[in-house]
Amino acid sequence: SGGNGDSNGDGGSGGNGDDGGSGTVEWIMSGSNEGSPANTWAQGMASEVEEHAETLRLSPQFVNGWRTATVQLTEGTFDLSYFLYLYQVQALNDLAPYDQGGNIGPLDAEIRSVSPTVHQQNIIFITYANNDDIETIQDLDGERVATNVRGSAIIDVARQVTDELDIQPQWQPMTWSEMGQALQSKRVVVATPIVINGSIVIGPVAKAFTSNAFKGVDISDEDVGTVADANPFVSFTTVKGEDLNAENEIGEIPATILGSSTFTTADHDPDLVYEFTKTVMEQQDNFGEYHPALNAFGVGDGKHGFTGSLPGVKFHEGTIRYFDEAGIDYPQEEY
């Protein structure tokens, strides 16, 4: 579970890791860093595929950050990965892809989406309720701000917001478990937890809300407009503290809107991609058993569908085959 996948065998194009001649193909799937809810979701998908797919199995692995997961996906270490629609569109257009050092550079392989939106996440800035020194995002200049690990989309988006506003926090990258501990012990002044589906703070960070009172760091309408005008890939919504599943004094604050999905490379076997998409879509109502945030995964009433996906996200041919057979209307615009 170290996350680098080096001992996992060949998970490259087509998912080559079989289980010794039984005809079952094993795909290596990225989870996320310690304490991330994405690990629970990866395990949930793996369990449903294990039970319902005929030839496909998933083996989730820890990984630190979206950039690392994407590197391993395009290099063939992983067969399936989570990351954000926002970055998928940028990567396809050579606007903000990655390399292991976090620098902008081209992708090594074409990437395709293989499911509707898995979850919506909102990044918020919080501080302690009794901290009178911080009220708005402008007050973060020079402050220690706990954020997700280097290479995570969370820190990338948070930095995009502060960079556009010419604010320079002292970023403190850490896993979700470490962030929860830092918030409980007040080792950092501000943090950027995520709110899932607009209503749930989860994992180790949620536990911190039971031991300390927090308030939201406001972002003025003017600052929201400045960021949105400068960066079309960053959009905002309002998160209401009263909707969160933790005691807090967050109030109503602006938060970025990010959708995520599951992705593979374009050269993966269409039959296996079809089987994965078919399996998770036909079992979509089961995923809420693994975590309430996954109740919204899928297509239909109360489901995300393709909300949060931007025009230009390309779907794998195996996924399109299933969507067409099932009569699912999916985004097909060119970005």
C-alpha atoms as a PDB file:
ATOM      1  CA  SER A   1       0.000   0.000   0.000  1.00  0.00           C
ATOM      2  CA  GLY A   2       2.945   2.329  -0.457  1.00  0.00           C
ATOM      3  CA  GLY A   3       1.361   3.859  -3.521  1.00  0.00           C
ATOM      4  CA  ASN A   4       4.148   3.601  -6.076  1.00  0.00           C
ATOM      5  CA  GLY A   5       2.811   0.427  -7.623  1.00  0.00           C
ATOM      6  CA  ASP A   6       6.302  -0.887  -8.360  1.00  0.00           C
ATOM      7  CA  SER A   7       5.523  -4.328  -6.934  1.00  0.00           C
ATOM      8  CA  ASN A   8       2.126  -4.682  -8.559  1.00  0.00           C
ATOM      9  CA  GLY A   9       3.184  -6.278 -11.821  1.00  0.00           C
ATOM     10  CA  ASP A  10       2.222  -5.107 -15.288  1.00  0.00           C
ATOM     11  CA  GLY A  11      -1.029  -3.169 -15.132  1.00  0.00           C
ATOM     12  CA  GLY A  12      -0.444  -1.549 -18.506  1.00  0.00           C
ATOM     13  CA  SER A  13      -2.563  -1.195 -21.603  1.00  0.00           C
ATOM     14  CA  GLY A  14      -5.305  -3.784 -21.603  1.00  0.00           C
ATOM     15  CA  GLY A  15      -4.897  -4.777 -17.957  1.00  0.00           C
ATOM     16  CA  ASN A  16      -2.445  -7.653 -18.317  1.00  0.00           C
ATOM     17  CA  GLY A  17      -2.237  -8.882 -14.752  1.00  0.00           C
ATOM     18  CA  ASP A  18      -4.229 -12.130 -14.752  1.00  0.00           C
ATOM     19  CA  ASP A  19      -4.651 -14.425 -11.778  1.00  0.00           C
ATOM     20  CA  GLY A  20      -2.812 -17.456 -13.015  1.00  0.00           C
ATOM     21  CA  GLY A  21      -4.876 -18.740 -15.898  1.00  0.00           C
ATOM     22  CA  SER A  22      -8.426 -18.464 -14.569  1.00  0.00           C
ATOM     23  CA  GLY A  23      -9.320 -15.909 -17.228  1.00  0.00           C
ATOM     24  CA  THR A  24      -9.739 -13.111 -14.705  1.00  0.00           C
ATOM     25  CA  VAL A  25      -7.952  -9.845 -15.492  1.00  0.00           C
ATOM     26  CA  GLU A  26      -6.758  -7.712 -12.586  1.00  0.00           C
ATOM     27  CA  TRP A  27      -6.662  -3.942 -12.938  1.00  0.00           C
ATOM     28  CA  ILE A  28      -4.591  -1.839 -10.568  1.00  0.00           C
ATOM     29  CA  MET A  29      -6.723   1.104  -9.439  1.00  0.00           C
ATOM     30  CA  SER A  30      -5.505   4.250  -7.710  1.00  0.00           C
ATOM     31  CA  GLY A  31      -6.984   5.243  -4.398  1.00  0.00           C
ATOM     32  CA  SER A  32      -5.593   8.328  -2.692  1.00  0.00           C
ATOM     33  CA  ASN A  33      -3.452   9.262   0.311  1.00  0.00           C
ATOM     34  CA  GLU A  34      -4.017   8.107   3.878  1.00  0.00           C
ATOM     35  CA  GLY A  35      -7.359   9.218   5.260  1.00  0.00           C
ATOM     36  CA  SER A  36      -8.851  10.145   1.890  1.00  0.00           C
ATOM     37  CA  PRO A  37     -12.442   9.050   1.227  1.00  0.00           C
ATOM     38  CA  ALA A  38     -11.349   8.043  -2.271  1.00  0.00           C
ATOM     39  CA  ASN A  39      -9.806   4.939  -0.703  1.00  0.00           C
ATOM     40  CA  THR A  40     -13.216   3.855   0.578  1.00  0.00           C
ATOM     41  CA  TRP A  41     -14.749   4.470  -2.816  1.00  0.00           C
ATOM     42  CA  ALA A  42     -12.019   2.528  -4.595  1.00  0.00           C
ATOM     43  CA  GLN A  43     -12.592  -0.377  -2.207  1.00  0.00           C
ATOM     44  CA  GLY A  44     -16.332  -0.152  -2.833  1.00  0.00           C
ATOM     45  CA  MET A  45     -15.888  -0.320  -6.578  1.00  0.00           C
ATOM     46  CA  ALA A  46     -13.441  -3.189  -6.190  1.00  0.00           C
ATOM     47  CA  SER A  47     -15.955  -5.125  -4.071  1.00  0.00           C
ATOM     48  CA  GLU A  48     -18.794  -4.652  -6.549  1.00  0.00           C
ATOM     49  CA  VAL A  49     -16.617  -5.573  -9.508  1.00  0.00           C
ATOM     50  CA  GLU A  50     -15.380  -8.629  -7.603  1.00  0.00           C
ATOM     51  CA  GLU A  51     -18.963  -9.772  -7.064  1.00  0.00           C
ATOM     52  CA  HIS A  52     -20.589  -8.886 -10.356  1.00  0.00           C
ATOM     53  CA  ALA A  53     -18.014  -8.721 -13.177  1.00  0.00           C
ATOM     54  CA  GLU A  54     -17.281 -11.889 -15.133  1.00  0.00           C
ATOM     55  CA  THR A  55     -13.601 -11.418 -15.983  1.00  0.00           C
ATOM     56  CA  LEU A  56     -12.458  -8.181 -14.330  1.00  0.00           C
ATOM     57  CA  ARG A  57     -11.084  -7.573 -10.836  1.00  0.00           C
ATOM     58  CA  LEU A  58      -9.776  -4.357  -9.246  1.00  0.00           C
ATOM     59  CA  SER A  59      -6.831  -3.989  -6.864  1.00  0.00           C
ATOM     60  CA  PRO A  60      -6.821  -0.518  -5.205  1.00  0.00           C
ATOM     61  CA  GLN A  61      -3.494   1.042  -4.220  1.00  0.00           C
ATOM     62  CA  PHE A  62      -2.623   4.083  -2.112  1.00  0.00           C
ATOM     63  CA  VAL A  63      -1.150   7.007  -4.012  1.00  0.00           C
ATOM     64  CA  ASN A  64      -0.071  10.494  -2.975  1.00  0.00           C
ATOM     65  CA  GLY A  65      -1.755  13.053  -5.134  1.00  0.00           C
ATOM     66  CA  TRP A  66      -3.461  13.369  -8.488  1.00  0.00           C
ATOM     67  CA  ARG A  67      -0.233  14.090 -10.322  1.00  0.00           C
ATOM     68  CA  THR A  68       1.381  10.858  -9.137  1.00  0.00           C
ATOM     69  CA  ALA A  69      -1.753   8.861  -9.929  1.00  0.00           C
ATOM     70  CA  THR A  70      -1.870  10.299 -13.422  1.00  0.00           C
ATOM     71  CA  VAL A  71       1.820   9.631 -14.031  1.00  0.00           C
ATOM     72  CA  GLN A  72       1.307   6.008 -13.031  1.00  0.00           C
ATOM     73  CA  LEU A  73      -1.807   5.754 -15.190  1.00  0.00           C
ATOM     74  CA  THR A  74      -0.082   7.054 -18.317  1.00  0.00           C
ATOM     75  CA  GLU A  75       3.047   4.987 -17.627  1.00  0.00           C
ATOM     76  CA  GLY A  76       0.970   1.820 -17.318  1.00  0.00           C
ATOM     77  CA  THR A  77       1.475   1.063 -13.625  1.00  0.00           C
ATOM     78  CA  PHE A  78      -2.209   1.774 -12.964  1.00  0.00           C
ATOM     79  CA  ASP A  79      -5.079   0.709 -15.192  1.00  0.00           C
ATOM     80  CA  LEU A  80      -7.738   2.893 -13.576  1.00  0.00           C
ATOM     81  CA  SER A  81      -7.504   6.180 -11.696  1.00  0.00           C
ATOM     82  CA  TYR A  82      -9.554   8.866 -10.006  1.00  0.00           C
ATOM     83  CA  PHE A  83      -8.990  12.484 -10.794  1.00  0.00           C
ATOM     84  CA  LEU A  84     -10.864  15.649 -11.571  1.00  0.00           C
ATOM     85  CA  TYR A  85     -12.726  16.624 -14.713  1.00  0.00           C
ATOM     86  CA  LEU A  86     -11.168  20.066 -14.396  1.00  0.00           C
ATOM     87  CA  TYR A  87      -7.700  18.676 -14.907  1.00  0.00           C
ATOM     88  CA  GLN A  88      -8.763  16.166 -17.504  1.00  0.00           C
ATOM     89  CA  VAL A  89      -9.881  18.987 -19.776  1.00  0.00           C
ATOM     90  CA  GLN A  90      -6.769  21.025 -19.114  1.00  0.00           C
ATOM     91  CA  ALA A  91      -4.509  18.021 -19.683  1.00  0.00           C
ATOM     92  CA  LEU A  92      -6.149  17.151 -22.981  1.00  0.00           C
ATOM     93  CA  ASN A  93      -5.551  20.704 -24.125  1.00  0.00           C
ATOM     94  CA  ASP A  94      -1.964  20.882 -22.821  1.00  0.00           C
ATOM     95  CA  LEU A  95      -2.945  23.692 -20.473  1.00  0.00           C
ATOM     96  CA  ALA A  96      -2.069  22.212 -17.107  1.00  0.00           C
ATOM     97  CA  PRO A  97      -0.842  18.646 -17.207  1.00  0.00           C
ATOM     98  CA  TYR A  98       1.930  17.456 -14.932  1.00  0.00           C
ATOM     99  CA  ASP A  99       5.069  15.570 -14.397  1.00  0.00           C
ATOM    100  CA  GLN A 100       6.447  13.941 -11.257  1.00  0.00           C
ATOM    101  CA  GLY A 101       8.004  17.244 -10.200  1.00  0.00           C
ATOM    102  CA  GLY A 102       4.719  19.088 -10.555  1.00  0.00           C
ATOM    103  CA  ASN A 103       5.815  20.999 -13.653  1.00  0.00           C
ATOM    104  CA  ILE A 104       3.655  21.619 -16.688  1.00  0.00           C
ATOM    105  CA  GLY A 105       4.331  19.206 -19.521  1.00  0.00           C
ATOM    106  CA  PRO A 106       2.552  16.960 -22.021  1.00  0.00           C
ATOM    107  CA  LEU A 107       0.765  13.754 -21.108  1.00  0.00           C
ATOM    108  CA  ASP A 108       2.458  10.497 -22.090  1.00  0.00           C
ATOM    109  CA  ALA A 109      -0.795   8.826 -23.130  1.00  0.00           C
ATOM    110  CA  GLU A 110      -4.314   9.746 -24.152  1.00  0.00           C
ATOM    111  CA  ILE A 111      -6.741   9.476 -21.241  1.00  0.00           C
ATOM    112  CA  ARG A 112     -10.428   8.613 -21.426  1.00  0.00           C
ATOM    113  CA  SER A 113     -13.245   8.795 -18.893  1.00  0.00           C
ATOM    114  CA  VAL A 114     -15.003   5.524 -18.056  1.00  0.00           C
ATOM    115  CA  SER A 115     -17.860   6.611 -15.772  1.00  0.00           C
ATOM    116  CA  PRO A 116     -20.190   9.473 -14.919  1.00  0.00           C
ATOM    117  CA  THR A 117     -19.205  11.825 -12.100  1.00  0.00           C
ATOM    118  CA  VAL A 118     -18.228   9.849  -8.998  1.00  0.00           C
ATOM    119  CA  HIS A 119     -18.546  12.740  -6.575  1.00  0.00           C
ATOM    120  CA  GLN A 120     -18.612  16.513  -6.331  1.00  0.00           C
ATOM    121  CA  GLN A 121     -16.166  18.163  -4.003  1.00  0.00           C
ATOM    122  CA  ASN A 122     -15.925  21.716  -2.760  1.00  0.00           C
ATOM    123  CA  ILE A 123     -12.754  23.241  -1.344  1.00  0.00           C
ATOM    124  CA  ILE A 124     -13.333  25.585   1.592  1.00  0.00           C
ATOM    125  CA  PHE A 125     -10.953  27.620   3.743  1.00  0.00           C
ATOM    126  CA  ILE A 126     -11.556  27.359   7.497  1.00  0.00           C
ATOM    127  CA  THR A 127      -9.950  28.747  10.643  1.00  0.00           C
ATOM    128  CA  TYR A 128     -10.787  28.530  14.348  1.00  0.00           C
ATOM    129  CA  ALA A 129     -13.968  30.289  15.399  1.00  0.00           C
ATOM    130  CA  ASN A 130     -12.131  32.413  17.986  1.00  0.00           C
ATOM    131  CA  ASN A 131      -9.459  33.571  15.527  1.00  0.00           C
ATOM    132  CA  ASP A 132     -10.302  37.254  15.096  1.00  0.00           C
ATOM    133  CA  ASP A 133      -7.241  37.847  12.923  1.00  0.00           C
ATOM    134  CA  ILE A 134      -8.654  35.995   9.928  1.00  0.00           C
ATOM    135  CA  GLU A 135     -12.012  36.832   8.390  1.00  0.00           C
ATOM    136  CA  THR A 136     -11.457  36.807   4.618  1.00  0.00           C
ATOM    137  CA  ILE A 137      -9.114  35.143   2.163  1.00  0.00           C
ATOM    138  CA  GLN A 138      -7.096  38.369   2.000  1.00  0.00           C
ATOM    139  CA  ASP A 139      -6.013  37.689   5.592  1.00  0.00           C
ATOM    140  CA  LEU A 140      -4.239  34.465   4.575  1.00  0.00           C
ATOM    141  CA  ASP A 141      -1.156  36.203   3.226  1.00  0.00           C
ATOM    142  CA  GLY A 142       1.818  34.731   5.120  1.00  0.00           C
ATOM    143  CA  GLU A 143      -0.344  32.393   7.259  1.00  0.00           C
ATOM    144  CA  ARG A 144       0.239  28.649   7.640  1.00  0.00           C
ATOM    145  CA  VAL A 145      -2.442  26.859   5.631  1.00  0.00           C
ATOM    146  CA  ALA A 146      -2.823  23.086   5.817  1.00  0.00           C
ATOM    147  CA  THR A 147      -3.702  21.577   2.478  1.00  0.00           C
ATOM    148  CA  ASN A 148      -3.571  18.212   0.754  1.00  0.00           C
ATOM    149  CA  VAL A 149      -0.354  16.533  -0.376  1.00  0.00           C
ATOM    150  CA  ARG A 150       1.869  17.958  -3.104  1.00  0.00           C
ATOM    151  CA  GLY A 151       0.526  16.894  -6.475  1.00  0.00           C
ATOM    152  CA  SER A 152      -3.075  16.888  -5.244  1.00  0.00           C
ATOM    153  CA  ALA A 153      -5.716  18.744  -7.227  1.00  0.00           C
ATOM    154  CA  ILE A 154      -6.813  20.309  -3.931  1.00  0.00           C
ATOM    155  CA  ILE A 155      -3.606  22.252  -3.438  1.00  0.00           C
ATOM    156  CA  ASP A 156      -3.470  23.048  -7.155  1.00  0.00           C
ATOM    157  CA  VAL A 157      -6.909  24.672  -7.103  1.00  0.00           C
ATOM    158  CA  ALA A 158      -6.328  26.433  -3.779  1.00  0.00           C
ATOM    159  CA  ARG A 159      -3.128  27.889  -5.198  1.00  0.00           C
ATOM    160  CA  GLN A 160      -4.893  29.006  -8.353  1.00  0.00           C
ATOM    161  CA  VAL A 161      -7.363  30.956  -6.212  1.00  0.00           C
ATOM    162  CA  THR A 162      -4.726  32.621  -4.028  1.00  0.00           C
ATOM    163  CA  ASP A 163      -2.349  33.261  -6.933  1.00  0.00           C
ATOM    164  CA  GLU A 164      -5.028  35.140  -8.861  1.00  0.00           C
ATOM    165  CA  LEU A 165      -5.606  37.293  -5.771  1.00  0.00           C
ATOM    166  CA  ASP A 166      -1.857  37.837  -5.204  1.00  0.00           C
ATOM    167  CA  ILE A 167      -2.027  36.148  -1.791  1.00  0.00           C
ATOM    168  CA  GLN A 168       0.915  34.055  -0.601  1.00  0.00           C
ATOM    169  CA  PRO A 169       0.071  31.656   2.235  1.00  0.00           C
ATOM    170  CA  GLN A 170       2.652  29.332   3.771  1.00  0.00           C
ATOM    171  CA  TRP A 171       1.267  26.098   2.378  1.00  0.00           C
ATOM    172  CA  GLN A 172       1.612  23.044   4.615  1.00  0.00           C
ATOM    173  CA  PRO A 173       0.985  19.955   2.405  1.00  0.00           C
ATOM    174  CA  MET A 174      -0.148  16.876   4.350  1.00  0.00           C
ATOM    175  CA  THR A 175      -2.348  13.800   4.109  1.00  0.00           C
ATOM    176  CA  TRP A 176      -5.955  14.025   5.239  1.00  0.00           C
ATOM    177  CA  SER A 177      -5.067  12.132   8.415  1.00  0.00           C
ATOM    178  CA  GLU A 178      -2.272  14.590   9.175  1.00  0.00           C
ATOM    179  CA  MET A 179      -4.569  17.535   8.480  1.00  0.00           C
ATOM    180  CA  GLY A 180      -7.131  16.196  10.927  1.00  0.00           C
ATOM    181  CA  GLN A 181      -4.461  15.823  13.606  1.00  0.00           C
ATOM    182  CA  ALA A 182      -3.045  19.295  12.885  1.00  0.00           C
ATOM    183  CA  LEU A 183      -6.481  20.876  13.187  1.00  0.00           C
ATOM    184  CA  GLN A 184      -7.234  19.101  16.451  1.00  0.00           C
ATOM    185  CA  SER A 185      -3.913  20.203  17.972  1.00  0.00           C
ATOM    186  CA  LYS A 186      -4.040  23.685  16.358  1.00  0.00           C
ATOM    187  CA  ARG A 187      -0.647  23.286  14.700  1.00  0.00           C
ATOM    188  CA  VAL A 188      -1.927  25.215  11.691  1.00  0.00           C
ATOM    189  CA  VAL A 189      -3.972  28.392  11.497  1.00  0.00           C
ATOM    190  CA  VAL A 190      -6.065  27.672   8.399  1.00  0.00           C
ATOM    191  CA  ALA A 191      -6.916  24.526   6.441  1.00  0.00           C
ATOM    192  CA  THR A 192      -8.531  23.579   3.136  1.00  0.00           C
ATOM    193  CA  PRO A 193     -10.787  20.601   3.884  1.00  0.00           C
ATOM    194  CA  ILE A 194     -13.198  19.409   1.219  1.00  0.00           C
ATOM    195  CA  VAL A 195     -16.964  19.192   1.387  1.00  0.00           C
ATOM    196  CA  ILE A 196     -18.375  16.241  -0.542  1.00  0.00           C
ATOM    197  CA  ASN A 197     -21.582  16.803  -2.515  1.00  0.00           C
ATOM    198  CA  GLY A 198     -22.028  20.146  -0.783  1.00  0.00           C
ATOM    199  CA  SER A 199     -22.950  18.649   2.566  1.00  0.00           C
ATOM    200  CA  ILE A 200     -20.438  16.201   4.040  1.00  0.00           C
ATOM    201  CA  VAL A 201     -17.075  16.752   5.707  1.00  0.00           C
ATOM    202  CA  ILE A 202     -15.639  13.297   6.057  1.00  0.00           C
ATOM    203  CA  GLY A 203     -12.745  11.276   7.406  1.00  0.00           C
ATOM    204  CA  PRO A 204     -10.078  12.451   9.859  1.00  0.00           C
ATOM    205  CA  VAL A 205     -10.853  16.105   9.132  1.00  0.00           C
ATOM    206  CA  ALA A 206     -14.476  15.624  10.196  1.00  0.00           C
ATOM    207  CA  LYS A 207     -13.275  14.323  13.563  1.00  0.00           C
ATOM    208  CA  ALA A 208     -11.486  17.624  14.158  1.00  0.00           C
ATOM    209  CA  PHE A 209     -14.829  19.412  13.950  1.00  0.00           C
ATOM    210  CA  THR A 210     -15.981  17.584  17.059  1.00  0.00           C
ATOM    211  CA  SER A 211     -13.104  18.910  19.171  1.00  0.00           C
ATOM    212  CA  ASN A 212     -12.783  22.489  17.879  1.00  0.00           C
ATOM    213  CA  ALA A 213     -15.183  25.111  16.591  1.00  0.00           C
ATOM    214  CA  PHE A 214     -14.366  26.449  13.137  1.00  0.00           C
ATOM    215  CA  LYS A 215     -15.556  29.299  10.973  1.00  0.00           C
ATOM    216  CA  GLY A 216     -15.378  29.803   7.256  1.00  0.00           C
ATOM    217  CA  VAL A 217     -12.890  32.165   5.661  1.00  0.00           C
ATOM    218  CA  ASP A 218     -14.971  34.422   3.433  1.00  0.00           C
ATOM    219  CA  ILE A 219     -14.168  35.200  -0.212  1.00  0.00           C
ATOM    220  CA  SER A 220     -15.816  38.430  -1.331  1.00  0.00           C
ATOM    221  CA  ASP A 221     -17.946  38.646  -4.459  1.00  0.00           C
ATOM    222  CA  GLU A 222     -15.257  40.858  -5.962  1.00  0.00           C
ATOM    223  CA  ASP A 223     -12.535  38.280  -5.295  1.00  0.00           C
ATOM    224  CA  VAL A 224     -14.717  35.452  -6.628  1.00  0.00           C
ATOM    225  CA  GLY A 225     -15.235  37.470  -9.781  1.00  0.00           C
ATOM    226  CA  THR A 226     -11.529  38.175 -10.116  1.00  0.00           C
ATOM    227  CA  VAL A 227     -10.649  34.472  -9.943  1.00  0.00           C
ATOM    228  CA  ALA A 228     -13.486  33.362 -12.226  1.00  0.00           C
ATOM    229  CA  ASP A 229     -12.624  35.998 -14.846  1.00  0.00           C
ATOM    230  CA  ALA A 230      -8.945  35.057 -14.840  1.00  0.00           C
ATOM    231  CA  ASN A 231      -9.365  31.270 -14.779  1.00  0.00           C
ATOM    232  CA  PRO A 232     -12.351  29.708 -16.599  1.00  0.00           C
ATOM    233  CA  PHE A 233     -11.601  26.312 -15.032  1.00  0.00           C
ATOM    234  CA  VAL A 234     -12.328  27.523 -11.484  1.00  0.00           C
ATOM    235  CA  SER A 235     -15.973  28.062 -10.542  1.00  0.00           C
ATOM    236  CA  PHE A 236     -17.645  28.679  -7.190  1.00  0.00           C
ATOM    237  CA  THR A 237     -20.739  27.721  -5.262  1.00  0.00           C
ATOM    238  CA  THR A 238     -21.945  28.439  -1.713  1.00  0.00           C
ATOM    239  CA  VAL A 239     -21.487  25.894   1.061  1.00  0.00           C
ATOM    240  CA  LYS A 240     -23.752  26.253   4.085  1.00  0.00           C
ATOM    241  CA  GLY A 241     -22.190  25.284   7.370  1.00  0.00           C
ATOM    242  CA  GLU A 242     -25.538  24.187   8.770  1.00  0.00           C
ATOM    243  CA  ASP A 243     -25.641  21.439   6.137  1.00  0.00           C
ATOM    244  CA  LEU A 244     -22.357  19.862   7.218  1.00  0.00           C
ATOM    245  CA  ASN A 245     -22.309  16.790   9.418  1.00  0.00           C
ATOM    246  CA  ALA A 246     -20.199  18.416  12.138  1.00  0.00           C
ATOM    247  CA  GLU A 247     -20.616  21.055  14.825  1.00  0.00           C
ATOM    248  CA  ASN A 248     -19.215  24.291  13.459  1.00  0.00           C
ATOM    249  CA  GLU A 249     -19.704  28.002  12.946  1.00  0.00           C
ATOM    250  CA  ILE A 250     -18.842  27.997   9.283  1.00  0.00           C
ATOM    251  CA  GLY A 251     -21.855  29.975   8.088  1.00  0.00           C
ATOM    252  CA  GLU A 252     -22.179  30.412   4.326  1.00  0.00           C
ATOM    253  CA  ILE A 253     -18.952  30.691   2.334  1.00  0.00           C
ATOM    254  CA  PRO A 254     -17.886  30.427  -1.308  1.00  0.00           C
ATOM    255  CA  ALA A 255     -16.276  27.154  -2.321  1.00  0.00           C
ATOM    256  CA  THR A 256     -14.840  25.866  -5.572  1.00  0.00           C
ATOM    257  CA  ILE A 257     -16.809  23.259  -7.516  1.00  0.00           C
ATOM    258  CA  LEU A 258     -14.901  20.205  -8.723  1.00  0.00           C
ATOM    259  CA  GLY A 259     -16.249  16.988 -10.193  1.00  0.00           C
ATOM    260  CA  SER A 260     -14.304  13.744 -10.324  1.00  0.00           C
ATOM    261  CA  SER A 261     -14.566  10.561 -12.317  1.00  0.00           C
ATOM    262  CA  THR A 262     -12.686   7.382 -13.159  1.00  0.00           C
ATOM    263  CA  PHE A 263     -10.272   7.275 -16.073  1.00  0.00           C
ATOM    264  CA  THR A 264      -8.146   4.871 -18.057  1.00  0.00           C
ATOM    265  CA  THR A 265      -5.942   5.215 -21.116  1.00  0.00           C
ATOM    266  CA  ALA A 266      -7.334   5.172 -24.641  1.00  0.00           C
ATOM    267  CA  ASP A 267      -5.473   1.946 -25.548  1.00  0.00           C
ATOM    268  CA  HIS A 268      -7.130  -0.205 -22.883  1.00  0.00           C
ATOM    269  CA  ASP A 269      -9.161  -3.179 -24.102  1.00  0.00           C
ATOM    270  CA  PRO A 270     -12.655  -1.886 -25.033  1.00  0.00           C
ATOM    271  CA  ASP A 271     -14.259  -5.120 -23.823  1.00  0.00           C
ATOM    272  CA  LEU A 272     -12.773  -4.708 -20.337  1.00  0.00           C
ATOM    273  CA  VAL A 273     -13.681  -1.021 -20.226  1.00  0.00           C
ATOM    274  CA  TYR A 274     -17.225  -1.934 -21.281  1.00  0.00           C
ATOM    275  CA  GLU A 275     -17.364  -4.551 -18.515  1.00  0.00           C
ATOM    276  CA  PHE A 276     -16.178  -2.077 -15.884  1.00  0.00           C
ATOM    277  CA  THR A 277     -18.647   0.629 -16.918  1.00  0.00           C
ATOM    278  CA  LYS A 278     -21.529  -1.830 -17.191  1.00  0.00           C
ATOM    279  CA  THR A 279     -20.765  -3.323 -13.785  1.00  0.00           C
ATOM    280  CA  VAL A 280     -20.521  -0.063 -11.841  1.00  0.00           C
ATOM    281  CA  MET A 281     -23.543   1.430 -13.587  1.00  0.00           C
ATOM    282  CA  GLU A 282     -25.743  -1.603 -13.002  1.00  0.00           C
ATOM    283  CA  GLN A 283     -24.642  -1.676  -9.342  1.00  0.00           C
ATOM    284  CA  GLN A 284     -24.760   2.121  -8.835  1.00  0.00           C
ATOM    285  CA  ASP A 285     -27.403   1.895  -6.109  1.00  0.00           C
ATOM    286  CA  ASN A 286     -25.118  -0.301  -3.988  1.00  0.00           C
ATOM    287  CA  PHE A 287     -22.326   2.231  -3.565  1.00  0.00           C
ATOM    288  CA  GLY A 288     -24.092   4.195  -0.845  1.00  0.00           C
ATOM    289  CA  GLU A 289     -23.529   1.159   1.380  1.00  0.00           C
ATOM    290  CA  TYR A 290     -19.798   1.931   1.317  1.00  0.00           C
ATOM    291  CA  HIS A 291     -20.222   5.639   2.008  1.00  0.00           C
ATOM    292  CA  PRO A 292     -23.258   7.989   1.973  1.00  0.00           C
ATOM    293  CA  ALA A 293     -21.395  10.324  -0.384  1.00  0.00           C
ATOM    294  CA  LEU A 294     -21.670   7.640  -3.064  1.00  0.00           C
ATOM    295  CA  ASN A 295     -25.473   7.642  -2.983  1.00  0.00           C
ATOM    296  CA  ALA A 296     -25.260  10.291  -5.700  1.00  0.00           C
ATOM    297  CA  PHE A 297     -23.032   8.238  -8.016  1.00  0.00           C
ATOM    298  CA  GLY A 298     -24.690   7.190 -11.238  1.00  0.00           C
ATOM    299  CA  VAL A 299     -27.467   8.314 -13.574  1.00  0.00           C
ATOM    300  CA  GLY A 300     -31.086   8.984 -12.589  1.00  0.00           C
ATOM    301  CA  ASP A 301     -33.055  10.810  -9.907  1.00  0.00           C
ATOM    302  CA  GLY A 302     -30.804  12.078  -7.122  1.00  0.00           C
ATOM    303  CA  LYS A 303     -27.645  11.045  -9.008  1.00  0.00           C
ATOM    304  CA  HIS A 304     -24.829  13.248 -10.276  1.00  0.00           C
ATOM    305  CA  GLY A 305     -24.997  12.029 -13.833  1.00  0.00           C
ATOM    306  CA  PHE A 306     -22.400  14.130 -15.635  1.00  0.00           C
ATOM    307  CA  THR A 307     -22.732  17.239 -13.469  1.00  0.00           C
ATOM    308  CA  GLY A 308     -19.339  18.861 -13.100  1.00  0.00           C
ATOM    309  CA  SER A 309     -17.933  17.410 -16.303  1.00  0.00           C
ATOM    310  CA  LEU A 310     -16.719  20.014 -18.751  1.00  0.00           C
ATOM    311  CA  PRO A 311     -17.167  19.852 -22.525  1.00  0.00           C
ATOM    312  CA  GLY A 312     -14.221  18.096 -24.101  1.00  0.00           C
ATOM    313  CA  VAL A 313     -13.940  15.189 -21.678  1.00  0.00           C
ATOM    314  CA  LYS A 314     -13.655  12.203 -23.985  1.00  0.00           C
ATOM    315  CA  PHE A 315     -15.124   8.819 -23.079  1.00  0.00           C
ATOM    316  CA  HIS A 316     -13.497   5.494 -23.865  1.00  0.00           C
ATOM    317  CA  GLU A 317     -15.005   3.563 -26.769  1.00  0.00           C
ATOM    318  CA  GLY A 318     -15.921   0.713 -24.414  1.00  0.00           C
ATOM    319  CA  THR A 319     -17.775   3.144 -22.149  1.00  0.00           C
ATOM    320  CA  ILE A 320     -19.572   4.722 -25.114  1.00  0.00           C
ATOM    321  CA  ARG A 321     -20.684   1.249 -26.196  1.00  0.00           C
ATOM    322  CA  TYR A 322     -22.362   0.725 -22.840  1.00  0.00           C
ATOM    323  CA  PHE A 323     -23.895   4.220 -22.742  1.00  0.00           C
ATOM    324  CA  ASP A 324     -25.359   3.689 -26.223  1.00  0.00           C
ATOM    325  CA  GLU A 325     -26.760   0.262 -25.328  1.00  0.00           C
ATOM    326  CA  ALA A 326     -28.280   1.608 -22.092  1.00  0.00           C
ATOM    327  CA  GLY A 327     -29.651   4.747 -23.749  1.00  0.00           C
ATOM    328  CA  ILE A 328     -27.612   7.064 -21.504  1.00  0.00           C
ATOM    329  CA  ASP A 329     -27.218  10.591 -22.845  1.00  0.00           C
ATOM    330  CA  TYR A 330     -23.604  11.622 -22.219  1.00  0.00           C
ATOM    331  CA  PRO A 331     -21.663  14.838 -23.009  1.00  0.00           C
ATOM    332  CA  GLN A 332     -20.208  14.750 -26.495  1.00  0.00           C
ATOM    333  CA  GLU A 333     -19.229  18.371 -27.095  1.00  0.00           C
ATOM    334  CA  GLU A 334     -15.750  19.260 -28.258  1.00  0.00           C
ATOM    335  CA  TYR A 335     -14.011  21.681 -25.916  1.00  0.00           C
END
